[in-house]
């Protein structure tokens, strides 16, 4: 279940609430009781980790492809494969 951050525009109270996506939005502030409680826009709280994922999309360019005839910088031809 996602965690939503709420903030009261009347008294400034903040609260993180775990809710289902289909649950109704909370509107009553638990601090002051005013109908000024609303969801805040926040960053997603997950990261992709493991082989094949970069911290930023395609951080490093892919290595150059070697021609079938080989070349001096080809790892397969230099014995570093």
PDB file of N, CA and C in Angstrom:
ATOM      1  N   UNK A   1       0.837  -1.180   0.000  1.00  0.00           N
ATOM      2  CA  UNK A   1       0.000   0.000   0.000  1.00  0.00           C
ATOM      3  C   UNK A   1       0.881   1.242   0.000  1.00  0.00           C
ATOM      4  N   UNK A   2       0.487   2.249  -0.757  1.00  0.00           N
ATOM      5  CA  UNK A   2       1.269   3.491  -0.780  1.00  0.00           C
ATOM      6  C   UNK A   2       1.104   4.308   0.493  1.00  0.00           C
ATOM      7  N   UNK A   3       2.109   5.095   0.783  1.00  0.00           N
ATOM      8  CA  UNK A   3       2.061   6.017   1.922  1.00  0.00           C
ATOM      9  C   UNK A   3       1.930   7.422   1.355  1.00  0.00           C
ATOM     10  N   UNK A   4       0.882   8.126   1.776  1.00  0.00           N
ATOM     11  CA  UNK A   4       0.627   9.485   1.310  1.00  0.00           C
ATOM     12  C   UNK A   4       0.953  10.472   2.417  1.00  0.00           C
ATOM     13  N   UNK A   5       1.521  11.608   2.022  1.00  0.00           N
ATOM     14  CA  UNK A   5       1.822  12.666   2.978  1.00  0.00           C
ATOM     15  C   UNK A   5       0.697  13.696   2.907  1.00  0.00           C
ATOM     16  N   UNK A   6       0.123  14.000   4.068  1.00  0.00           N
ATOM     17  CA  UNK A   6      -0.947  14.984   4.160  1.00  0.00           C
ATOM     18  C   UNK A   6      -0.457  16.193   4.943  1.00  0.00           C
ATOM     19  N   UNK A   7      -1.030  17.359   4.641  1.00  0.00           N
ATOM     20  CA  UNK A   7      -0.694  18.589   5.358  1.00  0.00           C
ATOM     21  C   UNK A   7      -1.946  19.445   5.469  1.00  0.00           C
ATOM     22  N   UNK A   8      -2.111  20.064   6.636  1.00  0.00           N
ATOM     23  CA  UNK A   8      -3.242  20.955   6.883  1.00  0.00           C
ATOM     24  C   UNK A   8      -2.844  22.372   6.470  1.00  0.00           C
ATOM     25  N   UNK A   9      -3.645  22.989   5.613  1.00  0.00           N
ATOM     26  CA  UNK A   9      -3.347  24.356   5.182  1.00  0.00           C
ATOM     27  C   UNK A   9      -3.778  25.382   6.229  1.00  0.00           C
ATOM     28  N   UNK A  10      -4.500  24.934   7.260  1.00  0.00           N
ATOM     29  CA  UNK A  10      -4.946  25.839   8.314  1.00  0.00           C
ATOM     30  C   UNK A  10      -3.915  25.936   9.451  1.00  0.00           C
ATOM     31  N   UNK A  11      -3.523  24.778  10.014  1.00  0.00           N
ATOM     32  CA  UNK A  11      -2.610  24.798  11.168  1.00  0.00           C
ATOM     33  C   UNK A  11      -1.198  24.304  10.840  1.00  0.00           C
ATOM     34  N   UNK A  12      -1.009  23.714   9.650  1.00  0.00           N
ATOM     35  CA  UNK A  12       0.317  23.250   9.241  1.00  0.00           C
ATOM     36  C   UNK A  12       0.671  21.845   9.710  1.00  0.00           C
ATOM     37  N   UNK A  13      -0.265  21.141  10.351  1.00  0.00           N
ATOM     38  CA  UNK A  13       0.008  19.779  10.818  1.00  0.00           C
ATOM     39  C   UNK A  13       0.294  18.871   9.630  1.00  0.00           C
ATOM     40  N   UNK A  14       1.257  17.945   9.800  1.00  0.00           N
ATOM     41  CA  UNK A  14       1.607  16.995   8.746  1.00  0.00           C
ATOM     42  C   UNK A  14       1.475  15.580   9.277  1.00  0.00           C
ATOM     43  N   UNK A  15       1.096  14.651   8.376  1.00  0.00           N
ATOM     44  CA  UNK A  15       0.947  13.263   8.781  1.00  0.00           C
ATOM     45  C   UNK A  15       1.123  12.376   7.553  1.00  0.00           C
ATOM     46  N   UNK A  16       1.846  11.254   7.727  1.00  0.00           N
ATOM     47  CA  UNK A  16       1.974  10.243   6.683  1.00  0.00           C
ATOM     48  C   UNK A  16       0.917   9.182   6.947  1.00  0.00           C
ATOM     49  N   UNK A  17       0.156   8.828   5.899  1.00  0.00           N
ATOM     50  CA  UNK A  17      -0.953   7.889   6.052  1.00  0.00           C
ATOM     51  C   UNK A  17      -0.813   6.779   5.018  1.00  0.00           C
ATOM     52  N   UNK A  18      -0.889   5.515   5.473  1.00  0.00           N
ATOM     53  CA  UNK A  18      -0.873   4.373   4.574  1.00  0.00           C
ATOM     54  C   UNK A  18      -2.309   4.106   4.147  1.00  0.00           C
ATOM     55  N   UNK A  19      -2.566   4.223   2.842  1.00  0.00           N
ATOM     56  CA  UNK A  19      -3.902   4.041   2.309  1.00  0.00           C
ATOM     57  C   UNK A  19      -3.857   3.225   1.032  1.00  0.00           C
ATOM     58  N   UNK A  20      -4.963   2.559   0.731  1.00  0.00           N
ATOM     59  CA  UNK A  20      -5.119   1.912  -0.561  1.00  0.00           C
ATOM     60  C   UNK A  20      -5.342   3.008  -1.590  1.00  0.00           C
ATOM     61  N   UNK A  21      -5.025   2.715  -2.835  1.00  0.00           N
ATOM     62  CA  UNK A  21      -5.178   3.713  -3.891  1.00  0.00           C
ATOM     63  C   UNK A  21      -6.635   4.161  -4.014  1.00  0.00           C
ATOM     64  N   UNK A  22      -7.570   3.249  -3.815  1.00  0.00           N
ATOM     65  CA  UNK A  22      -8.985   3.571  -3.960  1.00  0.00           C
ATOM     66  C   UNK A  22      -9.638   4.183  -2.731  1.00  0.00           C
ATOM     67  N   UNK A  23      -8.899   4.309  -1.620  1.00  0.00           N
ATOM     68  CA  UNK A  23      -9.482   4.905  -0.406  1.00  0.00           C
ATOM     69  C   UNK A  23      -9.774   6.386  -0.630  1.00  0.00           C
ATOM     70  N   UNK A  24     -10.823   6.903   0.020  1.00  0.00           N
ATOM     71  CA  UNK A  24     -11.119   8.335  -0.136  1.00  0.00           C
ATOM     72  C   UNK A  24     -10.025   9.208   0.478  1.00  0.00           C
ATOM     73  N   UNK A  25      -9.852  10.387  -0.104  1.00  0.00           N
ATOM     74  CA  UNK A  25      -8.866  11.351   0.379  1.00  0.00           C
ATOM     75  C   UNK A  25      -9.322  11.897   1.726  1.00  0.00           C
ATOM     76  N   UNK A  26      -8.392  12.002   2.682  1.00  0.00           N
ATOM     77  CA  UNK A  26      -8.723  12.565   3.993  1.00  0.00           C
ATOM     78  C   UNK A  26      -8.839  14.084   3.868  1.00  0.00           C
ATOM     79  N   UNK A  27      -9.813  14.666   4.554  1.00  0.00           N
ATOM     80  CA  UNK A  27      -9.998  16.114   4.477  1.00  0.00           C
ATOM     81  C   UNK A  27     -10.008  16.781   5.845  1.00  0.00           C
ATOM     82  N   UNK A  28     -10.339  16.036   6.915  1.00  0.00           N
ATOM     83  CA  UNK A  28     -10.415  16.609   8.260  1.00  0.00           C
ATOM     84  C   UNK A  28      -9.068  16.490   8.957  1.00  0.00           C
ATOM     85  N   UNK A  29      -8.523  17.612   9.382  1.00  0.00           N
ATOM     86  CA  UNK A  29      -7.231  17.645  10.056  1.00  0.00           C
ATOM     87  C   UNK A  29      -7.346  17.009  11.438  1.00  0.00           C
ATOM     88  N   UNK A  30      -6.453  16.047  11.786  1.00  0.00           N
ATOM     89  CA  UNK A  30      -6.498  15.452  13.116  1.00  0.00           C
ATOM     90  C   UNK A  30      -6.026  16.417  14.208  1.00  0.00           C
ATOM     91  N   UNK A  31      -5.321  17.478  13.830  1.00  0.00           N
ATOM     92  CA  UNK A  31      -4.811  18.445  14.803  1.00  0.00           C
ATOM     93  C   UNK A  31      -5.822  19.502  15.198  1.00  0.00           C
ATOM     94  N   UNK A  32      -6.415  20.161  14.193  1.00  0.00           N
ATOM     95  CA  UNK A  32      -7.310  21.285  14.493  1.00  0.00           C
ATOM     96  C   UNK A  32      -8.772  21.011  14.151  1.00  0.00           C
ATOM     97  N   UNK A  33      -9.051  19.917  13.433  1.00  0.00           N
ATOM     98  CA  UNK A  33     -10.418  19.564  13.095  1.00  0.00           C
ATOM     99  C   UNK A  33     -10.988  20.304  11.891  1.00  0.00           C
ATOM    100  N   UNK A  34     -10.201  21.185  11.276  1.00  0.00           N
ATOM    101  CA  UNK A  34     -10.664  21.929  10.100  1.00  0.00           C
ATOM    102  C   UNK A  34     -10.681  21.018   8.863  1.00  0.00           C
ATOM    103  N   UNK A  35     -11.481  21.373   7.883  1.00  0.00           N
ATOM    104  CA  UNK A  35     -11.558  20.641   6.612  1.00  0.00           C
ATOM    105  C   UNK A  35     -10.504  21.204   5.644  1.00  0.00           C
ATOM    106  N   UNK A  36      -9.267  21.234   6.087  1.00  0.00           N
ATOM    107  CA  UNK A  36      -8.178  21.819   5.303  1.00  0.00           C
ATOM    108  C   UNK A  36      -7.017  20.846   5.134  1.00  0.00           C
ATOM    109  N   UNK A  37      -7.277  19.549   5.288  1.00  0.00           N
ATOM    110  CA  UNK A  37      -6.265  18.507   5.194  1.00  0.00           C
ATOM    111  C   UNK A  37      -6.197  18.036   3.745  1.00  0.00           C
ATOM    112  N   UNK A  38      -5.020  17.985   3.138  1.00  0.00           N
ATOM    113  CA  UNK A  38      -4.902  17.553   1.751  1.00  0.00           C
ATOM    114  C   UNK A  38      -3.603  16.833   1.478  1.00  0.00           C
ATOM    115  N   UNK A  39      -3.613  16.028   0.412  1.00  0.00           N
ATOM    116  CA  UNK A  39      -2.421  15.291   0.000  1.00  0.00           C
ATOM    117  C   UNK A  39      -1.378  16.248  -0.533  1.00  0.00           C
ATOM    118  N   UNK A  40      -0.117  15.918  -0.266  1.00  0.00           N
ATOM    119  CA  UNK A  40       1.012  16.676  -0.775  1.00  0.00           C
ATOM    120  C   UNK A  40       1.625  15.919  -1.947  1.00  0.00           C
ATOM    121  N   UNK A  41       2.199  16.638  -2.876  1.00  0.00           N
ATOM    122  CA  UNK A  41       2.909  16.029  -3.985  1.00  0.00           C
ATOM    123  C   UNK A  41       4.328  15.726  -3.528  1.00  0.00           C
ATOM    124  N   UNK A  42       4.706  14.450  -3.532  1.00  0.00           N
ATOM    125  CA  UNK A  42       6.032  14.042  -3.069  1.00  0.00           C
ATOM    126  C   UNK A  42       6.695  13.142  -4.104  1.00  0.00           C
ATOM    127  N   UNK A  43       7.983  12.935  -3.956  1.00  0.00           N
ATOM    128  CA  UNK A  43       8.736  12.062  -4.855  1.00  0.00           C
ATOM    129  C   UNK A  43       8.415  10.605  -4.572  1.00  0.00           C
ATOM    130  N   UNK A  44       8.522   9.806  -5.594  1.00  0.00           N
ATOM    131  CA  UNK A  44       8.303   8.366  -5.432  1.00  0.00           C
ATOM    132  C   UNK A  44       9.361   7.789  -4.504  1.00  0.00           C
ATOM    133  N   UNK A  45       8.975   6.841  -3.684  1.00  0.00           N
ATOM    134  CA  UNK A  45       9.886   6.277  -2.704  1.00  0.00           C
ATOM    135  C   UNK A  45      10.405   4.914  -3.080  1.00  0.00           C
ATOM    136  N   UNK A  46      10.895   4.740  -4.296  1.00  0.00           N
ATOM    137  CA  UNK A  46      11.481   3.463  -4.664  1.00  0.00           C
ATOM    138  C   UNK A  46      12.663   3.690  -5.584  1.00  0.00           C
ATOM    139  N   UNK A  47      13.527   2.691  -5.655  1.00  0.00           N
ATOM    140  CA  UNK A  47      14.680   2.732  -6.546  1.00  0.00           C
ATOM    141  C   UNK A  47      14.770   1.400  -7.256  1.00  0.00           C
ATOM    142  N   UNK A  48      15.220   1.432  -8.490  1.00  0.00           N
ATOM    143  CA  UNK A  48      15.468   0.208  -9.236  1.00  0.00           C
ATOM    144  C   UNK A  48      16.910  -0.188  -8.979  1.00  0.00           C
ATOM    145  N   UNK A  49      17.111  -1.401  -8.487  1.00  0.00           N
ATOM    146  CA  UNK A  49      18.456  -1.871  -8.171  1.00  0.00           C
ATOM    147  C   UNK A  49      18.696  -3.213  -8.840  1.00  0.00           C
ATOM    148  N   UNK A  50      19.941  -3.537  -9.022  1.00  0.00           N
ATOM    149  CA  UNK A  50      20.304  -4.819  -9.595  1.00  0.00           C
ATOM    150  C   UNK A  50      20.936  -4.643 -10.959  1.00  0.00           C
ATOM    151  N   UNK A  51      21.259  -5.754 -11.587  1.00  0.00           N
ATOM    152  CA  UNK A  51      21.884  -5.721 -12.905  1.00  0.00           C
ATOM    153  C   UNK A  51      20.922  -5.132 -13.921  1.00  0.00           C
ATOM    154  N   UNK A  52      21.416  -4.237 -14.744  1.00  0.00           N
ATOM    155  CA  UNK A  52      20.608  -3.669 -15.811  1.00  0.00           C
ATOM    156  C   UNK A  52      19.966  -2.343 -15.479  1.00  0.00           C
ATOM    157  N   UNK A  53      20.061  -1.876 -14.245  1.00  0.00           N
ATOM    158  CA  UNK A  53      19.464  -0.597 -13.877  1.00  0.00           C
ATOM    159  C   UNK A  53      20.571   0.387 -13.523  1.00  0.00           C
ATOM    160  N   UNK A  54      20.396   1.625 -13.932  1.00  0.00           N
ATOM    161  CA  UNK A  54      21.349   2.683 -13.634  1.00  0.00           C
ATOM    162  C   UNK A  54      20.710   3.696 -12.697  1.00  0.00           C
ATOM    163  N   UNK A  55      21.516   4.434 -11.931  1.00  0.00           N
ATOM    164  CA  UNK A  55      21.004   5.478 -11.046  1.00  0.00           C
ATOM    165  C   UNK A  55      20.296   6.558 -11.863  1.00  0.00           C
ATOM    166  N   UNK A  56      20.824   6.859 -13.026  1.00  0.00           N
ATOM    167  CA  UNK A  56      20.140   7.746 -13.964  1.00  0.00           C
ATOM    168  C   UNK A  56      20.000   6.970 -15.266  1.00  0.00           C
ATOM    169  N   UNK A  57      18.977   7.245 -16.015  1.00  0.00           N
ATOM    170  CA  UNK A  57      18.729   6.474 -17.234  1.00  0.00           C
ATOM    171  C   UNK A  57      19.931   6.484 -18.159  1.00  0.00           C
ATOM    172  N   UNK A  58      20.422   5.312 -18.469  1.00  0.00           N
ATOM    173  CA  UNK A  58      21.517   5.128 -19.408  1.00  0.00           C
ATOM    174  C   UNK A  58      22.683   6.063 -19.102  1.00  0.00           C
ATOM    175  N   UNK A  59      23.174   5.962 -17.858  1.00  0.00           N
ATOM    176  CA  UNK A  59      24.255   6.821 -17.378  1.00  0.00           C
ATOM    177  C   UNK A  59      25.501   6.709 -18.255  1.00  0.00           C
ATOM    178  N   UNK A  60      25.876   5.508 -18.623  1.00  0.00           N
ATOM    179  CA  UNK A  60      27.070   5.300 -19.444  1.00  0.00           C
ATOM    180  C   UNK A  60      26.651   4.845 -20.839  1.00  0.00           C
ATOM    181  N   UNK A  61      27.311   5.335 -21.890  1.00  0.00           N
ATOM    182  CA  UNK A  61      26.969   4.876 -23.231  1.00  0.00           C
ATOM    183  C   UNK A  61      27.360   3.404 -23.383  1.00  0.00           C
ATOM    184  N   UNK A  62      26.650   2.677 -24.224  1.00  0.00           N
ATOM    185  CA  UNK A  62      27.004   1.263 -24.413  1.00  0.00           C
ATOM    186  C   UNK A  62      28.371   1.146 -25.086  1.00  0.00           C
ATOM    187  N   UNK A  63      29.092   0.041 -24.838  1.00  0.00           N
ATOM    188  CA  UNK A  63      30.409  -0.127 -25.462  1.00  0.00           C
ATOM    189  C   UNK A  63      30.255  -0.267 -26.975  1.00  0.00           C
ATOM    190  N   UNK A  64      31.280   0.136 -27.735  1.00  0.00           N
ATOM    191  CA  UNK A  64      31.190   0.015 -29.199  1.00  0.00           C
ATOM    192  C   UNK A  64      31.176  -1.458 -29.599  1.00  0.00           C
ATOM    193  N   UNK A  65      30.463  -1.737 -30.682  1.00  0.00           N
ATOM    194  CA  UNK A  65      30.405  -3.115 -31.178  1.00  0.00           C
ATOM    195  C   UNK A  65      31.589  -3.370 -32.098  1.00  0.00           C
ATOM    196  N   UNK A  66      32.187  -4.535 -31.946  1.00  0.00           N
ATOM    197  CA  UNK A  66      33.336  -4.893 -32.773  1.00  0.00           C
ATOM    198  C   UNK A  66      32.866  -5.472 -34.103  1.00  0.00           C
ATOM    199  N   UNK A  67      33.638  -5.191 -35.124  1.00  0.00           N
ATOM    200  CA  UNK A  67      33.379  -5.749 -36.450  1.00  0.00           C
ATOM    201  C   UNK A  67      33.858  -7.204 -36.450  1.00  0.00           C
ATOM    202  N   UNK A  68      33.252  -8.045 -37.284  1.00  0.00           N
ATOM    203  CA  UNK A  68      33.692  -9.446 -37.345  1.00  0.00           C
ATOM    204  C   UNK A  68      35.174  -9.599 -37.652  1.00  0.00           C
ATOM    205  N   UNK A  69      35.768  -8.647 -38.383  1.00  0.00           N
ATOM    206  CA  UNK A  69      37.189  -8.768 -38.730  1.00  0.00           C
ATOM    207  C   UNK A  69      38.095  -8.365 -37.568  1.00  0.00           C
ATOM    208  N   UNK A  70      37.533  -7.738 -36.523  1.00  0.00           N
ATOM    209  CA  UNK A  70      38.314  -7.341 -35.369  1.00  0.00           C
ATOM    210  C   UNK A  70      38.998  -5.992 -35.563  1.00  0.00           C
ATOM    211  N   UNK A  71      39.528  -5.459 -34.498  1.00  0.00           N
ATOM    212  CA  UNK A  71      40.251  -4.201 -34.550  1.00  0.00           C
ATOM    213  C   UNK A  71      41.226  -4.172 -33.365  1.00  0.00           C
ATOM    214  N   UNK A  72      42.107  -3.205 -33.345  1.00  0.00           N
ATOM    215  CA  UNK A  72      43.144  -3.139 -32.312  1.00  0.00           C
ATOM    216  C   UNK A  72      42.554  -2.898 -30.908  1.00  0.00           C
ATOM    217  N   UNK A  73      41.404  -2.176 -30.827  1.00  0.00           N
ATOM    218  CA  UNK A  73      40.830  -1.894 -29.511  1.00  0.00           C
ATOM    219  C   UNK A  73      39.801  -2.942 -29.071  1.00  0.00           C
ATOM    220  N   UNK A  74      39.566  -3.951 -29.884  1.00  0.00           N
ATOM    221  CA  UNK A  74      38.572  -4.973 -29.567  1.00  0.00           C
ATOM    222  C   UNK A  74      39.088  -5.867 -28.434  1.00  0.00           C
ATOM    223  N   UNK A  75      38.305  -6.009 -27.306  1.00  0.00           N
ATOM    224  CA  UNK A  75      38.742  -6.874 -26.211  1.00  0.00           C
ATOM    225  C   UNK A  75      38.944  -8.323 -26.642  1.00  0.00           C
ATOM    226  N   UNK A  76      38.144  -8.783 -27.601  1.00  0.00           N
ATOM    227  CA  UNK A  76      38.264 -10.166 -28.052  1.00  0.00           C
ATOM    228  C   UNK A  76      39.590 -10.403 -28.764  1.00  0.00           C
ATOM    229  N   UNK A  77      40.103  -9.388 -29.459  1.00  0.00           N
ATOM    230  CA  UNK A  77      41.347  -9.531 -30.215  1.00  0.00           C
ATOM    231  C   UNK A  77      42.573  -9.336 -29.328  1.00  0.00           C
ATOM    232  N   UNK A  78      42.449  -8.620 -28.201  1.00  0.00           N
ATOM    233  CA  UNK A  78      43.612  -8.339 -27.373  1.00  0.00           C
ATOM    234  C   UNK A  78      43.808  -9.377 -26.272  1.00  0.00           C
ATOM    235  N   UNK A  79      42.911 -10.346 -26.177  1.00  0.00           N
ATOM    236  CA  UNK A  79      43.039 -11.395 -25.163  1.00  0.00           C
ATOM    237  C   UNK A  79      42.462 -11.017 -23.815  1.00  0.00           C
ATOM    238  N   UNK A  80      41.738  -9.901 -23.715  1.00  0.00           N
ATOM    239  CA  UNK A  80      41.134  -9.462 -22.463  1.00  0.00           C
ATOM    240  C   UNK A  80      39.665  -9.861 -22.339  1.00  0.00           C
ATOM    241  N   UNK A  81      39.196 -10.753 -23.169  1.00  0.00           N
ATOM    242  CA  UNK A  81      37.787 -11.110 -23.171  1.00  0.00           C
ATOM    243  C   UNK A  81      37.412 -11.962 -22.001  1.00  0.00           C
TER     244      UNK A  81
END
